[in-house]
């Protein structure tokens, strides 16, 4: 299941293809005088029984409406050996179809992945190689807060690339301010990005302005996770435990309800962590199973909705 971060980046490049040209700048030697930049179908399948589907395909048209360059855009948040075979295939199929320069642009917010993606791919014993054009954190400018209103998509990408920088807090605050002037869907998504990916210290600073614990996520991805957590955790668990205890009026009923609530909160916590793309190790499952306090599980659940690192969820 693609992570929220991957889906955000793919949506940015699909809906705002001009953002890719802003990032690559003059580094690709593309023809000058482009009059139109549009997103095309991501399907690059050739007449063979193999489907090739890139994250985004950006067409650059010249003055006569002719396609003068095609950018194959891939969002990559981790290494994947298969990509070193599919990326050259993307280039070959697109070059044969449009008969123009076709750079493969890899966007990543990880410096480690950027180094991996930038390595040459040997294509034949004669020395032919494939090179992707990689845009890692160093290739994304650390945006000034004032940019958020003029170019909110670039500001969001900058926040994802530099989420741990001291400048991320004022940038996140500026993005929230710019969201007041955007359409509902963009404002909802970018607000969720700010609260999901700012580091812990920055999020804590923003809690004085917006209560993260009571904040209702509006993007479909995060809203579904939150709804599942509330349904399976707080409502099913805590209310069921309290209600059963009140109805039976005995300690046995309260304890049984409390245990059911604890189990429901534990399930909800695991659902959220897995849904956000974290790989739970046996030690994490053991710690969740061993926790008997509803308040502790509930606190972990709140952290899980916005955590960027797994171990940060369980910090004392």
C-alpha atoms as a PDB file:
ATOM      1  CA  UNK A   1       0.000   0.000   0.000  1.00  0.00           C
ATOM      2  CA  UNK A   2       1.554   3.335  -1.035  1.00  0.00           C
ATOM      3  CA  UNK A   3       2.319   5.639   1.873  1.00  0.00           C
ATOM      4  CA  UNK A   4       0.603   8.987   2.425  1.00  0.00           C
ATOM      5  CA  UNK A   5       3.856  10.759   1.534  1.00  0.00           C
ATOM      6  CA  UNK A   6       4.121   8.898  -1.783  1.00  0.00           C
ATOM      7  CA  UNK A   7       0.515   9.704  -2.663  1.00  0.00           C
ATOM      8  CA  UNK A   8       1.009  13.388  -1.831  1.00  0.00           C
ATOM      9  CA  UNK A   9       4.077  13.673  -4.063  1.00  0.00           C
ATOM     10  CA  UNK A  10       2.424  11.824  -6.953  1.00  0.00           C
ATOM     11  CA  UNK A  11      -0.629  14.070  -6.721  1.00  0.00           C
ATOM     12  CA  UNK A  12       1.570  17.176  -6.763  1.00  0.00           C
ATOM     13  CA  UNK A  13       3.406  16.207  -9.957  1.00  0.00           C
ATOM     14  CA  UNK A  14       0.263  14.940 -11.705  1.00  0.00           C
ATOM     15  CA  UNK A  15      -1.874  17.972 -10.979  1.00  0.00           C
ATOM     16  CA  UNK A  16       0.922  20.555 -11.251  1.00  0.00           C
ATOM     17  CA  UNK A  17       3.340  19.329 -13.975  1.00  0.00           C
ATOM     18  CA  UNK A  18       4.942  22.783 -14.202  1.00  0.00           C
ATOM     19  CA  UNK A  19       6.401  22.047 -10.769  1.00  0.00           C
ATOM     20  CA  UNK A  20       8.698  19.432 -12.344  1.00  0.00           C
ATOM     21  CA  UNK A  21      10.102  21.950 -14.826  1.00  0.00           C
ATOM     22  CA  UNK A  22      10.713  24.392 -11.981  1.00  0.00           C
ATOM     23  CA  UNK A  23      12.768  21.729 -10.203  1.00  0.00           C
ATOM     24  CA  UNK A  24      14.861  20.481 -13.118  1.00  0.00           C
ATOM     25  CA  UNK A  25      15.638  24.034 -14.241  1.00  0.00           C
ATOM     26  CA  UNK A  26      18.300  24.194 -16.943  1.00  0.00           C
ATOM     27  CA  UNK A  27      19.919  20.934 -15.866  1.00  0.00           C
ATOM     28  CA  UNK A  28      18.342  18.783 -18.598  1.00  0.00           C
ATOM     29  CA  UNK A  29      19.057  20.988 -21.600  1.00  0.00           C
ATOM     30  CA  UNK A  30      15.430  20.949 -22.705  1.00  0.00           C
ATOM     31  CA  UNK A  31      14.411  22.958 -25.784  1.00  0.00           C
ATOM     32  CA  UNK A  32      13.534  26.591 -25.075  1.00  0.00           C
ATOM     33  CA  UNK A  33      10.260  28.256 -25.873  1.00  0.00           C
ATOM     34  CA  UNK A  34       7.809  25.815 -24.317  1.00  0.00           C
ATOM     35  CA  UNK A  35       4.251  27.098 -24.579  1.00  0.00           C
ATOM     36  CA  UNK A  36       2.431  24.340 -22.699  1.00  0.00           C
ATOM     37  CA  UNK A  37       3.243  21.846 -19.962  1.00  0.00           C
ATOM     38  CA  UNK A  38       0.628  19.140 -19.424  1.00  0.00           C
ATOM     39  CA  UNK A  39       0.308  15.801 -17.678  1.00  0.00           C
ATOM     40  CA  UNK A  40      -0.328  12.839 -19.975  1.00  0.00           C
ATOM     41  CA  UNK A  41      -1.381   9.263 -19.341  1.00  0.00           C
ATOM     42  CA  UNK A  42       1.041   7.410 -17.073  1.00  0.00           C
ATOM     43  CA  UNK A  43       0.648   4.214 -19.119  1.00  0.00           C
ATOM     44  CA  UNK A  44       3.796   3.522 -21.151  1.00  0.00           C
ATOM     45  CA  UNK A  45       2.972  -0.010 -22.268  1.00  0.00           C
ATOM     46  CA  UNK A  46       4.409  -1.134 -25.588  1.00  0.00           C
ATOM     47  CA  UNK A  47       3.076  -3.874 -27.881  1.00  0.00           C
ATOM     48  CA  UNK A  48       4.354  -6.561 -25.545  1.00  0.00           C
ATOM     49  CA  UNK A  49       2.567  -8.321 -22.664  1.00  0.00           C
ATOM     50  CA  UNK A  50       4.148  -6.078 -20.033  1.00  0.00           C
ATOM     51  CA  UNK A  51       2.495  -3.045 -18.478  1.00  0.00           C
ATOM     52  CA  UNK A  52       4.724  -0.075 -17.745  1.00  0.00           C
ATOM     53  CA  UNK A  53       3.126   2.604 -15.612  1.00  0.00           C
ATOM     54  CA  UNK A  54       5.076   5.620 -14.399  1.00  0.00           C
ATOM     55  CA  UNK A  55       3.918   7.910 -11.607  1.00  0.00           C
ATOM     56  CA  UNK A  56       3.508  10.809 -14.047  1.00  0.00           C
ATOM     57  CA  UNK A  57       4.285  11.705 -17.656  1.00  0.00           C
ATOM     58  CA  UNK A  58       4.831  15.410 -18.417  1.00  0.00           C
ATOM     59  CA  UNK A  59       4.565  16.656 -22.020  1.00  0.00           C
ATOM     60  CA  UNK A  60       6.361  19.871 -22.983  1.00  0.00           C
ATOM     61  CA  UNK A  61       4.964  21.408 -26.183  1.00  0.00           C
ATOM     62  CA  UNK A  62       6.675  23.983 -28.354  1.00  0.00           C
ATOM     63  CA  UNK A  63       5.189  26.970 -30.205  1.00  0.00           C
ATOM     64  CA  UNK A  64       3.635  24.798 -32.944  1.00  0.00           C
ATOM     65  CA  UNK A  65       2.032  22.454 -30.434  1.00  0.00           C
ATOM     66  CA  UNK A  66       4.617  19.760 -31.165  1.00  0.00           C
ATOM     67  CA  UNK A  67       5.887  17.738 -28.213  1.00  0.00           C
ATOM     68  CA  UNK A  68       9.517  18.859 -27.787  1.00  0.00           C
ATOM     69  CA  UNK A  69      10.274  16.885 -24.600  1.00  0.00           C
ATOM     70  CA  UNK A  70       8.679  14.272 -22.386  1.00  0.00           C
ATOM     71  CA  UNK A  71       9.532  13.922 -18.706  1.00  0.00           C
ATOM     72  CA  UNK A  72       8.915  10.546 -17.086  1.00  0.00           C
ATOM     73  CA  UNK A  73       8.445  11.360 -13.393  1.00  0.00           C
ATOM     74  CA  UNK A  74       8.895   8.743 -10.685  1.00  0.00           C
ATOM     75  CA  UNK A  75       8.386   9.286  -6.945  1.00  0.00           C
ATOM     76  CA  UNK A  76      10.760   7.027  -5.043  1.00  0.00           C
ATOM     77  CA  UNK A  77      10.869   6.894  -1.234  1.00  0.00           C
ATOM     78  CA  UNK A  78      12.952   3.712  -0.919  1.00  0.00           C
ATOM     79  CA  UNK A  79      15.359   1.678  -3.010  1.00  0.00           C
ATOM     80  CA  UNK A  80      13.850  -0.850  -5.417  1.00  0.00           C
ATOM     81  CA  UNK A  81      16.121  -3.004  -7.633  1.00  0.00           C
ATOM     82  CA  UNK A  82      13.295  -3.529 -10.137  1.00  0.00           C
ATOM     83  CA  UNK A  83      13.294   0.172 -10.988  1.00  0.00           C
ATOM     84  CA  UNK A  84      16.776  -0.105 -12.474  1.00  0.00           C
ATOM     85  CA  UNK A  85      15.198  -2.282 -15.174  1.00  0.00           C
ATOM     86  CA  UNK A  86      11.878  -0.469 -15.634  1.00  0.00           C
ATOM     87  CA  UNK A  87      13.258   3.103 -15.802  1.00  0.00           C
ATOM     88  CA  UNK A  88      15.308   2.472 -18.975  1.00  0.00           C
ATOM     89  CA  UNK A  89      12.234   0.750 -20.453  1.00  0.00           C
ATOM     90  CA  UNK A  90      10.113   3.835 -19.719  1.00  0.00           C
ATOM     91  CA  UNK A  91      12.642   5.946 -21.616  1.00  0.00           C
ATOM     92  CA  UNK A  92      12.772   3.602 -24.613  1.00  0.00           C
ATOM     93  CA  UNK A  93       9.000   3.289 -25.030  1.00  0.00           C
ATOM     94  CA  UNK A  94       8.371   7.028 -24.607  1.00  0.00           C
ATOM     95  CA  UNK A  95      11.226   7.988 -26.956  1.00  0.00           C
ATOM     96  CA  UNK A  96       9.857   5.696 -29.679  1.00  0.00           C
ATOM     97  CA  UNK A  97       6.351   7.083 -29.191  1.00  0.00           C
ATOM     98  CA  UNK A  98       7.088  10.821 -29.103  1.00  0.00           C
ATOM     99  CA  UNK A  99      10.482  10.910 -30.911  1.00  0.00           C
ATOM    100  CA  UNK A 100      12.010  13.573 -28.703  1.00  0.00           C
ATOM    101  CA  UNK A 101      14.292  13.829 -25.616  1.00  0.00           C
ATOM    102  CA  UNK A 102      12.874  11.790 -22.723  1.00  0.00           C
ATOM    103  CA  UNK A 103      14.596  12.278 -19.351  1.00  0.00           C
ATOM    104  CA  UNK A 104      13.498  10.115 -16.438  1.00  0.00           C
ATOM    105  CA  UNK A 105      13.124  12.389 -13.390  1.00  0.00           C
ATOM    106  CA  UNK A 106      13.216  10.715  -9.967  1.00  0.00           C
ATOM    107  CA  UNK A 107      11.859  12.745  -7.045  1.00  0.00           C
ATOM    108  CA  UNK A 108      12.702  11.645  -3.509  1.00  0.00           C
ATOM    109  CA  UNK A 109      12.767  13.205  -0.062  1.00  0.00           C
ATOM    110  CA  UNK A 110      15.502  10.788   1.098  1.00  0.00           C
ATOM    111  CA  UNK A 111      19.199  11.583   0.588  1.00  0.00           C
ATOM    112  CA  UNK A 112      19.978   7.854   0.773  1.00  0.00           C
ATOM    113  CA  UNK A 113      17.507   7.016  -1.985  1.00  0.00           C
ATOM    114  CA  UNK A 114      18.785   9.942  -4.063  1.00  0.00           C
ATOM    115  CA  UNK A 115      22.328   8.523  -3.990  1.00  0.00           C
ATOM    116  CA  UNK A 116      21.025   5.105  -5.013  1.00  0.00           C
ATOM    117  CA  UNK A 117      18.853   6.429  -7.849  1.00  0.00           C
ATOM    118  CA  UNK A 118      21.720   8.520  -9.268  1.00  0.00           C
ATOM    119  CA  UNK A 119      23.949   5.484  -9.907  1.00  0.00           C
ATOM    120  CA  UNK A 120      24.446   4.597 -13.603  1.00  0.00           C
ATOM    121  CA  UNK A 121      22.606   1.545 -14.936  1.00  0.00           C
ATOM    122  CA  UNK A 122      24.661  -0.580 -17.341  1.00  0.00           C
ATOM    123  CA  UNK A 123      22.586  -1.413 -20.424  1.00  0.00           C
ATOM    124  CA  UNK A 124      24.986  -3.471 -22.516  1.00  0.00           C
ATOM    125  CA  UNK A 125      28.565  -4.848 -22.549  1.00  0.00           C
ATOM    126  CA  UNK A 126      29.491  -2.072 -25.008  1.00  0.00           C
ATOM    127  CA  UNK A 127      29.362   0.535 -22.245  1.00  0.00           C
ATOM    128  CA  UNK A 128      25.924   2.050 -22.812  1.00  0.00           C
ATOM    129  CA  UNK A 129      24.448   3.329 -19.557  1.00  0.00           C
ATOM    130  CA  UNK A 130      21.203   4.860 -18.321  1.00  0.00           C
ATOM    131  CA  UNK A 131      21.214   7.818 -15.933  1.00  0.00           C
ATOM    132  CA  UNK A 132      18.160   9.181 -14.182  1.00  0.00           C
ATOM    133  CA  UNK A 133      17.867  12.865 -13.331  1.00  0.00           C
ATOM    134  CA  UNK A 134      17.457  12.739  -9.555  1.00  0.00           C
ATOM    135  CA  UNK A 135      15.878  15.484  -7.466  1.00  0.00           C
ATOM    136  CA  UNK A 136      16.657  14.732  -3.835  1.00  0.00           C
ATOM    137  CA  UNK A 137      16.377  16.952  -0.749  1.00  0.00           C
ATOM    138  CA  UNK A 138      19.396  18.973  -1.905  1.00  0.00           C
ATOM    139  CA  UNK A 139      17.655  19.657  -5.214  1.00  0.00           C
ATOM    140  CA  UNK A 140      14.538  21.123  -3.614  1.00  0.00           C
ATOM    141  CA  UNK A 141      14.986  24.719  -2.441  1.00  0.00           C
ATOM    142  CA  UNK A 142      14.340  25.488   1.220  1.00  0.00           C
ATOM    143  CA  UNK A 143      11.415  27.777   0.570  1.00  0.00           C
ATOM    144  CA  UNK A 144      10.900  31.101   2.294  1.00  0.00           C
ATOM    145  CA  UNK A 145       7.522  31.407   4.070  1.00  0.00           C
ATOM    146  CA  UNK A 146       6.494  34.101   1.581  1.00  0.00           C
ATOM    147  CA  UNK A 147       6.604  31.521  -1.226  1.00  0.00           C
ATOM    148  CA  UNK A 148       3.680  29.585   0.249  1.00  0.00           C
ATOM    149  CA  UNK A 149       1.089  32.031  -1.057  1.00  0.00           C
ATOM    150  CA  UNK A 150       2.695  32.447  -4.500  1.00  0.00           C
ATOM    151  CA  UNK A 151       3.557  28.776  -5.121  1.00  0.00           C
ATOM    152  CA  UNK A 152       1.925  26.530  -2.474  1.00  0.00           C
ATOM    153  CA  UNK A 153       2.869  23.286  -4.262  1.00  0.00           C
ATOM    154  CA  UNK A 154       6.572  24.106  -4.202  1.00  0.00           C
ATOM    155  CA  UNK A 155       6.229  25.127  -0.536  1.00  0.00           C
ATOM    156  CA  UNK A 156       4.620  21.768   0.313  1.00  0.00           C
ATOM    157  CA  UNK A 157       7.366  19.882  -1.530  1.00  0.00           C
ATOM    158  CA  UNK A 158       9.981  21.967   0.289  1.00  0.00           C
ATOM    159  CA  UNK A 159       8.390  21.098   3.627  1.00  0.00           C
ATOM    160  CA  UNK A 160       8.519  17.379   2.826  1.00  0.00           C
ATOM    161  CA  UNK A 161      12.174  17.604   1.766  1.00  0.00           C
ATOM    162  CA  UNK A 162      13.292  19.740   4.730  1.00  0.00           C
ATOM    163  CA  UNK A 163      10.836  18.700   7.431  1.00  0.00           C
ATOM    164  CA  UNK A 164      13.547  18.550  10.127  1.00  0.00           C
ATOM    165  CA  UNK A 165      15.127  21.931   9.344  1.00  0.00           C
ATOM    166  CA  UNK A 166      14.532  24.825  11.784  1.00  0.00           C
ATOM    167  CA  UNK A 167      12.891  26.737   8.928  1.00  0.00           C
ATOM    168  CA  UNK A 168      10.202  24.054   8.574  1.00  0.00           C
ATOM    169  CA  UNK A 169       8.087  25.514  11.378  1.00  0.00           C
ATOM    170  CA  UNK A 170       7.568  29.006   9.848  1.00  0.00           C
ATOM    171  CA  UNK A 171       7.127  27.371   6.442  1.00  0.00           C
ATOM    172  CA  UNK A 172       4.439  25.058   7.811  1.00  0.00           C
ATOM    173  CA  UNK A 173       2.701  27.993   9.472  1.00  0.00           C
ATOM    174  CA  UNK A 174       2.842  29.897   6.160  1.00  0.00           C
ATOM    175  CA  UNK A 175       1.327  26.955   4.268  1.00  0.00           C
ATOM    176  CA  UNK A 176      -1.554  26.836   6.752  1.00  0.00           C
ATOM    177  CA  UNK A 177      -2.100  30.545   6.162  1.00  0.00           C
ATOM    178  CA  UNK A 178      -2.006  30.125   2.386  1.00  0.00           C
ATOM    179  CA  UNK A 179      -4.602  27.342   2.609  1.00  0.00           C
ATOM    180  CA  UNK A 180      -7.232  29.983   3.423  1.00  0.00           C
ATOM    181  CA  UNK A 181      -7.045  31.175  -0.196  1.00  0.00           C
ATOM    182  CA  UNK A 182      -7.029  27.716  -1.854  1.00  0.00           C
ATOM    183  CA  UNK A 183      -9.885  25.512  -2.946  1.00  0.00           C
ATOM    184  CA  UNK A 184     -11.197  23.066  -0.356  1.00  0.00           C
ATOM    185  CA  UNK A 185      -9.463  19.920  -1.643  1.00  0.00           C
ATOM    186  CA  UNK A 186      -6.002  21.500  -1.912  1.00  0.00           C
ATOM    187  CA  UNK A 187      -6.372  23.235   1.454  1.00  0.00           C
ATOM    188  CA  UNK A 188      -7.440  19.956   3.098  1.00  0.00           C
ATOM    189  CA  UNK A 189      -4.522  17.998   1.665  1.00  0.00           C
ATOM    190  CA  UNK A 190      -1.838  20.603   2.402  1.00  0.00           C
ATOM    191  CA  UNK A 191      -3.103  21.086   5.962  1.00  0.00           C
ATOM    192  CA  UNK A 192      -2.816  17.342   6.543  1.00  0.00           C
ATOM    193  CA  UNK A 193       0.724  17.379   5.126  1.00  0.00           C
ATOM    194  CA  UNK A 194       1.790  20.066   7.593  1.00  0.00           C
ATOM    195  CA  UNK A 195       0.462  18.195  10.620  1.00  0.00           C
ATOM    196  CA  UNK A 196       1.637  14.788   9.383  1.00  0.00           C
ATOM    197  CA  UNK A 197       5.226  15.572   8.424  1.00  0.00           C
ATOM    198  CA  UNK A 198       6.527  18.403  10.579  1.00  0.00           C
ATOM    199  CA  UNK A 199       8.927  17.025  13.146  1.00  0.00           C
ATOM    200  CA  UNK A 200       7.810  16.533  16.713  1.00  0.00           C
ATOM    201  CA  UNK A 201       9.220  19.801  18.055  1.00  0.00           C
ATOM    202  CA  UNK A 202       7.602  21.849  15.299  1.00  0.00           C
ATOM    203  CA  UNK A 203       4.250  20.128  15.737  1.00  0.00           C
ATOM    204  CA  UNK A 204       4.399  20.773  19.457  1.00  0.00           C
ATOM    205  CA  UNK A 205       4.960  24.462  18.767  1.00  0.00           C
ATOM    206  CA  UNK A 206       1.894  24.539  16.513  1.00  0.00           C
ATOM    207  CA  UNK A 207      -0.313  22.871  19.124  1.00  0.00           C
ATOM    208  CA  UNK A 208      -0.771  26.250  20.803  1.00  0.00           C
ATOM    209  CA  UNK A 209      -2.394  27.485  17.601  1.00  0.00           C
ATOM    210  CA  UNK A 210      -4.244  24.332  16.506  1.00  0.00           C
ATOM    211  CA  UNK A 211      -4.927  21.388  18.793  1.00  0.00           C
ATOM    212  CA  UNK A 212      -3.456  18.392  16.951  1.00  0.00           C
ATOM    213  CA  UNK A 213      -5.145  15.876  19.235  1.00  0.00           C
ATOM    214  CA  UNK A 214      -8.585  17.249  18.330  1.00  0.00           C
ATOM    215  CA  UNK A 215      -7.717  18.102  14.729  1.00  0.00           C
ATOM    216  CA  UNK A 216      -9.886  16.298  12.157  1.00  0.00           C
ATOM    217  CA  UNK A 217      -7.890  15.302   9.089  1.00  0.00           C
ATOM    218  CA  UNK A 218      -9.658  16.147   5.820  1.00  0.00           C
ATOM    219  CA  UNK A 219      -7.737  14.211   3.159  1.00  0.00           C
ATOM    220  CA  UNK A 220      -9.372  10.872   2.388  1.00  0.00           C
ATOM    221  CA  UNK A 221      -6.263   8.839   3.300  1.00  0.00           C
ATOM    222  CA  UNK A 222      -5.776  10.340   6.762  1.00  0.00           C
ATOM    223  CA  UNK A 223      -9.506  10.672   7.415  1.00  0.00           C
ATOM    224  CA  UNK A 224      -9.989   6.947   6.837  1.00  0.00           C
ATOM    225  CA  UNK A 225      -7.206   6.108   9.264  1.00  0.00           C
ATOM    226  CA  UNK A 226      -8.603   8.473  11.861  1.00  0.00           C
ATOM    227  CA  UNK A 227     -12.139   7.107  11.427  1.00  0.00           C
ATOM    228  CA  UNK A 228     -10.896   3.540  11.844  1.00  0.00           C
ATOM    229  CA  UNK A 229      -8.957   4.494  14.966  1.00  0.00           C
ATOM    230  CA  UNK A 230     -11.935   6.269  16.498  1.00  0.00           C
ATOM    231  CA  UNK A 231     -14.382   3.513  15.586  1.00  0.00           C
ATOM    232  CA  UNK A 232     -12.277   0.573  16.722  1.00  0.00           C
ATOM    233  CA  UNK A 233     -10.423   2.307  19.532  1.00  0.00           C
ATOM    234  CA  UNK A 234     -12.108   5.052  21.443  1.00  0.00           C
ATOM    235  CA  UNK A 235     -15.758   4.292  20.718  1.00  0.00           C
ATOM    236  CA  UNK A 236     -15.671   0.500  20.688  1.00  0.00           C
ATOM    237  CA  UNK A 237     -13.083   0.285  23.438  1.00  0.00           C
ATOM    238  CA  UNK A 238     -13.481   2.951  26.061  1.00  0.00           C
ATOM    239  CA  UNK A 239     -17.238   3.499  25.750  1.00  0.00           C
ATOM    240  CA  UNK A 240     -17.964  -0.214  25.583  1.00  0.00           C
ATOM    241  CA  UNK A 241     -15.873  -0.804  28.674  1.00  0.00           C
ATOM    242  CA  UNK A 242     -17.527   1.997  30.630  1.00  0.00           C
ATOM    243  CA  UNK A 243     -21.024   1.115  29.481  1.00  0.00           C
ATOM    244  CA  UNK A 244     -20.665  -2.543  30.365  1.00  0.00           C
ATOM    245  CA  UNK A 245     -19.284  -1.626  33.759  1.00  0.00           C
ATOM    246  CA  UNK A 246     -22.203   0.729  34.453  1.00  0.00           C
ATOM    247  CA  UNK A 247     -24.835  -1.746  33.279  1.00  0.00           C
ATOM    248  CA  UNK A 248     -23.594  -4.690  35.275  1.00  0.00           C
ATOM    249  CA  UNK A 249     -22.585  -2.594  38.243  1.00  0.00           C
ATOM    250  CA  UNK A 250     -19.843  -4.969  39.234  1.00  0.00           C
ATOM    251  CA  UNK A 251     -16.076  -4.842  39.173  1.00  0.00           C
ATOM    252  CA  UNK A 252     -16.038  -7.936  37.000  1.00  0.00           C
ATOM    253  CA  UNK A 253     -18.034  -6.163  34.313  1.00  0.00           C
ATOM    254  CA  UNK A 254     -15.815  -3.081  34.460  1.00  0.00           C
ATOM    255  CA  UNK A 255     -12.654  -5.146  34.189  1.00  0.00           C
ATOM    256  CA  UNK A 256     -13.998  -7.167  31.286  1.00  0.00           C
ATOM    257  CA  UNK A 257     -15.064  -4.009  29.484  1.00  0.00           C
ATOM    258  CA  UNK A 258     -11.707  -2.395  30.196  1.00  0.00           C
ATOM    259  CA  UNK A 259      -9.883  -5.372  28.687  1.00  0.00           C
ATOM    260  CA  UNK A 260     -12.073  -5.254  25.582  1.00  0.00           C
ATOM    261  CA  UNK A 261     -11.335  -1.546  25.325  1.00  0.00           C
ATOM    262  CA  UNK A 262      -7.612  -2.161  25.698  1.00  0.00           C
ATOM    263  CA  UNK A 263      -7.683  -4.795  22.955  1.00  0.00           C
ATOM    264  CA  UNK A 264      -9.671  -2.511  20.627  1.00  0.00           C
ATOM    265  CA  UNK A 265      -7.255   0.391  21.159  1.00  0.00           C
ATOM    266  CA  UNK A 266      -4.305  -1.924  20.503  1.00  0.00           C
ATOM    267  CA  UNK A 267      -5.901  -3.104  17.240  1.00  0.00           C
ATOM    268  CA  UNK A 268      -6.611   0.468  16.177  1.00  0.00           C
ATOM    269  CA  UNK A 269      -3.017   1.512  16.927  1.00  0.00           C
ATOM    270  CA  UNK A 270      -1.622  -1.315  14.783  1.00  0.00           C
ATOM    271  CA  UNK A 271      -4.069  -0.478  11.952  1.00  0.00           C
ATOM    272  CA  UNK A 272      -2.939   3.155  11.916  1.00  0.00           C
ATOM    273  CA  UNK A 273       0.789   2.363  12.040  1.00  0.00           C
ATOM    274  CA  UNK A 274       0.562  -0.207   9.258  1.00  0.00           C
ATOM    275  CA  UNK A 275      -1.720   2.042   7.220  1.00  0.00           C
ATOM    276  CA  UNK A 276       0.825   4.868   7.436  1.00  0.00           C
ATOM    277  CA  UNK A 277       3.518   2.590   6.017  1.00  0.00           C
ATOM    278  CA  UNK A 278       5.508   1.718   9.157  1.00  0.00           C
ATOM    279  CA  UNK A 279       7.084  -1.749   9.394  1.00  0.00           C
ATOM    280  CA  UNK A 280       6.273  -3.049  12.868  1.00  0.00           C
ATOM    281  CA  UNK A 281       8.927  -5.281  14.436  1.00  0.00           C
ATOM    282  CA  UNK A 282       8.225  -7.998  17.032  1.00  0.00           C
ATOM    283  CA  UNK A 283       9.375  -5.613  19.786  1.00  0.00           C
ATOM    284  CA  UNK A 284       6.682  -3.114  18.792  1.00  0.00           C
ATOM    285  CA  UNK A 285       3.949  -5.779  18.805  1.00  0.00           C
ATOM    286  CA  UNK A 286       5.207  -7.003  22.179  1.00  0.00           C
ATOM    287  CA  UNK A 287       5.143  -3.522  23.694  1.00  0.00           C
ATOM    288  CA  UNK A 288       1.611  -2.880  22.466  1.00  0.00           C
ATOM    289  CA  UNK A 289       0.402  -6.261  23.748  1.00  0.00           C
ATOM    290  CA  UNK A 290       2.020  -5.691  27.142  1.00  0.00           C
ATOM    291  CA  UNK A 291       0.480  -2.265  27.709  1.00  0.00           C
ATOM    292  CA  UNK A 292      -2.492  -2.486  30.089  1.00  0.00           C
ATOM    293  CA  UNK A 293      -3.202   1.253  30.380  1.00  0.00           C
ATOM    294  CA  UNK A 294      -5.950   2.672  28.175  1.00  0.00           C
ATOM    295  CA  UNK A 295      -4.521   6.160  28.596  1.00  0.00           C
ATOM    296  CA  UNK A 296      -1.098   5.053  27.343  1.00  0.00           C
ATOM    297  CA  UNK A 297      -2.558   3.275  24.320  1.00  0.00           C
ATOM    298  CA  UNK A 298      -4.713   6.284  23.563  1.00  0.00           C
ATOM    299  CA  UNK A 299      -1.661   8.560  23.715  1.00  0.00           C
ATOM    300  CA  UNK A 300       0.259   6.308  21.325  1.00  0.00           C
ATOM    301  CA  UNK A 301      -2.733   6.342  18.979  1.00  0.00           C
ATOM    302  CA  UNK A 302      -2.772  10.150  18.876  1.00  0.00           C
ATOM    303  CA  UNK A 303       0.978  10.235  18.159  1.00  0.00           C
ATOM    304  CA  UNK A 304       0.630   7.580  15.451  1.00  0.00           C
ATOM    305  CA  UNK A 305      -1.687   9.814  13.402  1.00  0.00           C
ATOM    306  CA  UNK A 306       1.089  12.362  12.867  1.00  0.00           C
ATOM    307  CA  UNK A 307       4.389  10.586  13.609  1.00  0.00           C
ATOM    308  CA  UNK A 308       7.165  10.587  11.022  1.00  0.00           C
ATOM    309  CA  UNK A 309       9.293   8.001  12.862  1.00  0.00           C
ATOM    310  CA  UNK A 310       8.012   4.774  14.368  1.00  0.00           C
ATOM    311  CA  UNK A 311      10.024   4.921  17.593  1.00  0.00           C
ATOM    312  CA  UNK A 312       8.745   8.448  18.271  1.00  0.00           C
ATOM    313  CA  UNK A 313       5.283   6.979  18.833  1.00  0.00           C
ATOM    314  CA  UNK A 314       6.483   5.003  21.853  1.00  0.00           C
ATOM    315  CA  UNK A 315       8.758   7.580  23.459  1.00  0.00           C
ATOM    316  CA  UNK A 316       8.117   8.161  27.160  1.00  0.00           C
END
